[in-house]
N, C-alpha and C. Protein backbone atom coordinates (compact mmCIF):
# COMPACT_ATOMS: atom_id res chain seq x y z
N UNK A 1 95.02 105.05 98.29
CA UNK A 1 95.97 104.63 99.30
C UNK A 1 96.57 103.30 98.87
N UNK A 2 97.88 103.15 99.06
CA UNK A 2 98.58 101.98 98.58
C UNK A 2 98.81 100.91 99.62
N UNK A 3 99.83 100.14 99.41
CA UNK A 3 100.26 99.05 100.27
C UNK A 3 101.46 99.57 101.09
N UNK A 4 101.52 99.16 102.36
CA UNK A 4 102.61 99.59 103.22
C UNK A 4 103.42 98.36 103.66
N UNK A 5 104.75 98.50 103.57
CA UNK A 5 105.64 97.55 104.22
C UNK A 5 106.07 98.26 105.49
N UNK A 6 105.80 97.61 106.62
CA UNK A 6 106.05 98.22 107.92
C UNK A 6 107.05 97.34 108.68
N UNK A 7 108.15 97.95 109.03
CA UNK A 7 109.20 97.24 109.80
C UNK A 7 109.32 97.89 111.15
N UNK A 8 109.42 97.09 112.18
CA UNK A 8 109.61 97.60 113.53
C UNK A 8 110.91 96.97 114.09
N UNK A 9 111.60 97.75 114.92
CA UNK A 9 112.83 97.24 115.49
C UNK A 9 113.29 98.16 116.64
N UNK A 10 114.18 97.61 117.46
CA UNK A 10 114.81 98.35 118.52
C UNK A 10 116.33 98.35 118.25
N UNK A 11 116.96 99.46 118.39
CA UNK A 11 118.41 99.58 118.20
C UNK A 11 119.06 99.06 119.49
N UNK A 12 120.07 98.26 119.32
CA UNK A 12 120.83 97.74 120.53
C UNK A 12 121.31 98.94 121.34
N UNK A 13 121.24 98.79 122.63
CA UNK A 13 121.62 99.92 123.51
C UNK A 13 123.06 100.37 123.29
N UNK A 14 123.95 99.45 123.04
CA UNK A 14 125.37 99.79 122.83
C UNK A 14 125.63 100.40 121.42
N UNK A 15 124.63 100.39 120.55
CA UNK A 15 124.76 100.88 119.19
C UNK A 15 123.97 102.16 118.92
N UNK A 16 123.32 102.68 119.93
CA UNK A 16 122.45 103.86 119.73
C UNK A 16 123.15 105.06 119.13
N UNK A 17 124.40 105.31 119.54
CA UNK A 17 125.15 106.45 119.00
C UNK A 17 125.47 106.28 117.51
N UNK A 18 125.51 105.04 117.03
CA UNK A 18 125.82 104.78 115.64
C UNK A 18 124.58 104.86 114.73
N UNK A 19 123.39 104.84 115.35
CA UNK A 19 122.18 104.75 114.57
C UNK A 19 121.91 106.02 113.73
N UNK A 20 121.99 107.18 114.32
CA UNK A 20 121.67 108.43 113.59
C UNK A 20 122.65 108.64 112.43
N UNK A 21 123.95 108.45 112.61
CA UNK A 21 124.85 108.58 111.45
C UNK A 21 124.49 107.56 110.32
N UNK A 22 124.13 106.35 110.70
CA UNK A 22 123.72 105.34 109.72
C UNK A 22 122.43 105.74 109.02
N UNK A 23 121.49 106.28 109.79
CA UNK A 23 120.23 106.76 109.22
C UNK A 23 120.51 107.92 108.22
N UNK A 24 121.36 108.83 108.58
CA UNK A 24 121.73 109.96 107.73
C UNK A 24 122.40 109.48 106.46
N UNK A 25 123.19 108.41 106.56
CA UNK A 25 123.83 107.83 105.35
C UNK A 25 122.76 107.30 104.41
N UNK A 26 121.77 106.61 104.96
CA UNK A 26 120.66 106.08 104.15
C UNK A 26 119.90 107.22 103.49
N UNK A 27 119.57 108.26 104.27
CA UNK A 27 118.80 109.41 103.73
C UNK A 27 119.55 110.10 102.59
N UNK A 28 120.85 110.27 102.76
CA UNK A 28 121.69 110.88 101.68
C UNK A 28 121.68 109.97 100.46
N UNK A 29 121.81 108.68 100.65
CA UNK A 29 121.83 107.75 99.55
C UNK A 29 120.49 107.77 98.81
N UNK A 30 119.41 107.80 99.58
CA UNK A 30 118.07 107.85 98.99
C UNK A 30 117.91 109.12 98.16
N UNK A 31 118.39 110.23 98.66
CA UNK A 31 118.27 111.52 97.98
C UNK A 31 119.14 111.59 96.72
N UNK A 32 120.31 110.98 96.76
CA UNK A 32 121.26 111.07 95.63
C UNK A 32 121.05 109.97 94.59
N UNK A 33 120.15 109.03 94.88
CA UNK A 33 119.85 107.93 93.92
C UNK A 33 118.35 107.85 93.67
N UNK A 34 117.74 108.91 93.15
CA UNK A 34 116.28 108.93 92.98
C UNK A 34 115.76 107.82 92.06
N UNK A 35 116.53 107.45 91.03
CA UNK A 35 116.06 106.39 90.12
C UNK A 35 115.93 105.04 90.82
N UNK A 36 116.79 104.83 91.79
CA UNK A 36 116.76 103.58 92.54
C UNK A 36 115.44 103.48 93.35
N UNK A 37 114.96 104.60 93.84
CA UNK A 37 113.78 104.61 94.69
C UNK A 37 112.52 105.05 93.92
N UNK A 38 112.61 105.12 92.60
CA UNK A 38 111.45 105.47 91.75
C UNK A 38 110.33 104.49 92.02
N UNK A 39 109.13 105.04 92.20
CA UNK A 39 107.93 104.20 92.46
C UNK A 39 107.61 104.08 93.93
N UNK A 40 108.54 104.44 94.81
CA UNK A 40 108.24 104.45 96.24
C UNK A 40 107.40 105.69 96.51
N UNK A 41 106.16 105.51 96.98
CA UNK A 41 105.24 106.64 97.18
C UNK A 41 105.68 107.48 98.40
N UNK A 42 106.08 106.83 99.45
CA UNK A 42 106.52 107.56 100.63
C UNK A 42 107.33 106.65 101.53
N UNK A 43 108.13 107.28 102.37
CA UNK A 43 108.93 106.56 103.37
C UNK A 43 108.91 107.41 104.64
N UNK A 44 108.62 106.77 105.76
CA UNK A 44 108.60 107.49 107.06
C UNK A 44 109.27 106.64 108.12
N UNK A 45 109.88 107.30 109.05
CA UNK A 45 110.47 106.61 110.22
C UNK A 45 109.91 107.29 111.46
N UNK A 46 109.28 106.49 112.30
CA UNK A 46 108.70 106.98 113.54
C UNK A 46 109.39 106.31 114.71
N UNK A 47 109.37 106.97 115.86
CA UNK A 47 109.92 106.33 117.04
C UNK A 47 108.83 106.33 118.12
N UNK A 48 108.61 105.18 118.65
CA UNK A 48 107.61 105.03 119.71
C UNK A 48 108.16 105.56 121.00
N UNK A 49 107.51 106.52 121.59
CA UNK A 49 108.00 107.14 122.82
C UNK A 49 107.34 106.56 124.07
N UNK A 50 106.12 106.04 123.91
CA UNK A 50 105.38 105.58 125.09
C UNK A 50 104.53 104.37 124.70
N UNK A 51 104.44 103.41 125.57
CA UNK A 51 103.60 102.23 125.32
C UNK A 51 104.40 101.10 124.73
N UNK A 52 103.88 99.89 124.93
CA UNK A 52 104.50 98.64 124.41
C UNK A 52 106.01 98.67 124.64
N UNK A 53 106.75 98.77 123.54
CA UNK A 53 108.23 98.78 123.65
C UNK A 53 108.73 100.20 123.39
N UNK A 54 109.12 100.85 124.47
CA UNK A 54 109.60 102.22 124.36
C UNK A 54 110.89 102.25 123.53
N UNK A 55 111.00 103.25 122.66
CA UNK A 55 112.19 103.37 121.83
C UNK A 55 112.15 102.53 120.55
N UNK A 56 111.05 101.87 120.30
CA UNK A 56 110.94 101.04 119.08
C UNK A 56 110.77 101.98 117.90
N UNK A 57 111.45 101.66 116.80
CA UNK A 57 111.31 102.42 115.56
C UNK A 57 110.29 101.72 114.69
N UNK A 58 109.52 102.50 113.95
CA UNK A 58 108.53 101.99 113.01
C UNK A 58 108.86 102.64 111.65
N UNK A 59 109.21 101.81 110.70
CA UNK A 59 109.62 102.28 109.37
C UNK A 59 108.49 101.90 108.42
N UNK A 60 107.96 102.88 107.68
CA UNK A 60 106.84 102.64 106.79
C UNK A 60 107.24 103.01 105.35
N UNK A 61 107.14 102.00 104.48
CA UNK A 61 107.40 102.19 103.06
C UNK A 61 106.08 102.05 102.32
N UNK A 62 105.66 103.06 101.55
CA UNK A 62 104.38 103.00 100.84
C UNK A 62 104.59 102.80 99.35
N UNK A 63 103.80 101.87 98.79
CA UNK A 63 103.86 101.54 97.37
C UNK A 63 102.44 101.56 96.81
N UNK A 64 102.31 101.62 95.50
CA UNK A 64 100.99 101.61 94.84
C UNK A 64 100.31 100.24 94.94
N UNK A 65 101.10 99.18 94.87
CA UNK A 65 100.53 97.83 94.86
C UNK A 65 101.54 96.82 95.42
N UNK A 66 101.07 95.62 95.66
CA UNK A 66 101.96 94.57 96.14
C UNK A 66 103.01 94.23 95.06
N UNK A 67 102.61 94.25 93.80
CA UNK A 67 103.57 94.00 92.71
C UNK A 67 104.66 95.08 92.70
N UNK A 68 104.28 96.33 92.91
CA UNK A 68 105.27 97.40 92.99
C UNK A 68 106.21 97.22 94.16
N UNK A 69 105.64 96.86 95.32
CA UNK A 69 106.47 96.59 96.49
C UNK A 69 107.53 95.57 96.20
N UNK A 70 107.15 94.47 95.59
CA UNK A 70 108.08 93.39 95.27
C UNK A 70 109.13 93.84 94.27
N UNK A 71 108.74 94.51 93.21
CA UNK A 71 109.67 94.95 92.18
C UNK A 71 110.61 96.04 92.68
N UNK A 72 110.09 97.00 93.39
CA UNK A 72 110.92 98.13 93.82
C UNK A 72 111.86 97.73 94.94
N UNK A 73 111.40 96.94 95.92
CA UNK A 73 112.29 96.53 96.98
C UNK A 73 113.39 95.61 96.43
N UNK A 74 113.05 94.77 95.44
CA UNK A 74 114.09 93.91 94.82
C UNK A 74 115.15 94.81 94.17
N UNK A 75 114.70 95.86 93.45
CA UNK A 75 115.65 96.77 92.81
C UNK A 75 116.52 97.48 93.84
N UNK A 76 115.90 97.99 94.90
CA UNK A 76 116.59 98.74 95.93
C UNK A 76 117.63 97.86 96.61
N UNK A 77 117.24 96.66 97.06
CA UNK A 77 118.13 95.84 97.88
C UNK A 77 119.06 94.96 97.06
N UNK A 78 118.99 95.03 95.73
CA UNK A 78 120.02 94.42 94.89
C UNK A 78 121.14 95.38 94.59
N UNK A 79 120.92 96.66 94.86
CA UNK A 79 121.95 97.69 94.63
C UNK A 79 123.08 97.52 95.64
N UNK A 80 124.32 97.59 95.12
CA UNK A 80 125.48 97.37 96.00
C UNK A 80 125.57 98.35 97.18
N UNK A 81 125.28 99.61 96.92
CA UNK A 81 125.30 100.60 97.99
C UNK A 81 124.27 100.31 99.06
N UNK A 82 123.06 99.91 98.64
CA UNK A 82 122.02 99.61 99.62
C UNK A 82 122.32 98.29 100.34
N UNK A 83 122.97 97.36 99.68
CA UNK A 83 123.37 96.13 100.36
C UNK A 83 124.29 96.45 101.53
N UNK A 84 125.23 97.36 101.29
CA UNK A 84 126.19 97.75 102.35
C UNK A 84 125.46 98.49 103.48
N UNK A 85 124.58 99.40 103.13
CA UNK A 85 123.81 100.14 104.13
C UNK A 85 122.94 99.20 104.94
N UNK A 86 122.26 98.28 104.27
CA UNK A 86 121.37 97.32 104.95
C UNK A 86 122.15 96.40 105.88
N UNK A 87 123.32 95.95 105.40
CA UNK A 87 124.14 95.08 106.25
C UNK A 87 124.56 95.82 107.52
N UNK A 88 124.98 97.07 107.37
CA UNK A 88 125.39 97.88 108.54
C UNK A 88 124.20 98.12 109.49
N UNK A 89 123.04 98.38 108.92
CA UNK A 89 121.84 98.58 109.71
C UNK A 89 121.53 97.38 110.57
N UNK A 90 121.62 96.19 109.98
CA UNK A 90 121.28 94.96 110.71
C UNK A 90 122.25 94.70 111.88
N UNK A 91 123.45 95.27 111.83
CA UNK A 91 124.36 95.13 112.92
C UNK A 91 123.96 96.00 114.13
N UNK A 92 123.15 97.04 113.87
CA UNK A 92 122.73 97.97 114.92
C UNK A 92 121.47 97.53 115.62
N UNK A 93 120.69 96.67 114.99
CA UNK A 93 119.34 96.31 115.49
C UNK A 93 119.38 95.01 116.28
N UNK A 94 118.61 94.99 117.33
CA UNK A 94 118.42 93.75 118.12
C UNK A 94 117.56 92.81 117.25
N UNK A 95 118.12 91.72 116.77
CA UNK A 95 117.40 90.85 115.83
C UNK A 95 116.08 90.27 116.40
N UNK A 96 116.01 90.12 117.72
CA UNK A 96 114.77 89.58 118.31
C UNK A 96 113.62 90.57 118.20
N UNK A 97 113.91 91.84 117.93
CA UNK A 97 112.85 92.84 117.84
C UNK A 97 112.46 93.21 116.41
N UNK A 98 113.18 92.67 115.42
CA UNK A 98 112.93 93.02 114.03
C UNK A 98 111.70 92.30 113.51
N UNK A 99 110.75 93.07 112.97
CA UNK A 99 109.54 92.52 112.41
C UNK A 99 109.23 93.25 111.10
N UNK A 100 108.78 92.50 110.11
CA UNK A 100 108.40 93.09 108.83
C UNK A 100 106.98 92.62 108.49
N UNK A 101 106.12 93.59 108.15
CA UNK A 101 104.72 93.28 107.86
C UNK A 101 104.28 94.03 106.62
N UNK A 102 103.23 93.54 105.97
CA UNK A 102 102.64 94.24 104.86
C UNK A 102 101.21 94.59 105.29
N UNK A 103 100.90 95.89 105.18
CA UNK A 103 99.57 96.38 105.54
C UNK A 103 98.86 96.86 104.27
N UNK A 104 97.56 96.61 104.21
CA UNK A 104 96.74 97.13 103.11
C UNK A 104 95.57 97.92 103.73
N UNK A 105 95.11 98.93 102.99
CA UNK A 105 94.02 99.77 103.53
C UNK A 105 92.71 99.02 103.58
N UNK A 106 91.89 99.36 104.56
CA UNK A 106 90.59 98.73 104.74
C UNK A 106 89.48 99.76 104.47
N UNK A 107 89.66 100.91 105.10
CA UNK A 107 88.60 101.95 104.94
C UNK A 107 89.27 103.33 104.77
C-alpha cells in the first residue's frame, strides 16, 4: 500500500452545475494523456452524503512513495493543460473548505 494525497472540498452552491462538466474534462484529459499520469497508482473521487459536511468531495491520489507523489504531482501540475483545468477547478470550490493531506498506511 502506498502514500495517499487526500483533498477535501465543497463546490460553491452557485457553481454545482459547472462541476460535473469540469470533472468530465479532467477525466478525459487524464485518459488521453497517460504519460502525464504515469506512476499514479490510483485516483478516486468520493462524495460524502451524510455526516460532518454533507456534499463534501474527497479526492484520493495514490502513489508508491512520498518521492513519487512529489515528482508525479510536479509533472502533472506543470503541464499547461492541467494548469488550465486546475485553475478552473479552483473557481468552483469554496476555498474555506479546501484541504490537502498526505496519508500513509499504518496497518
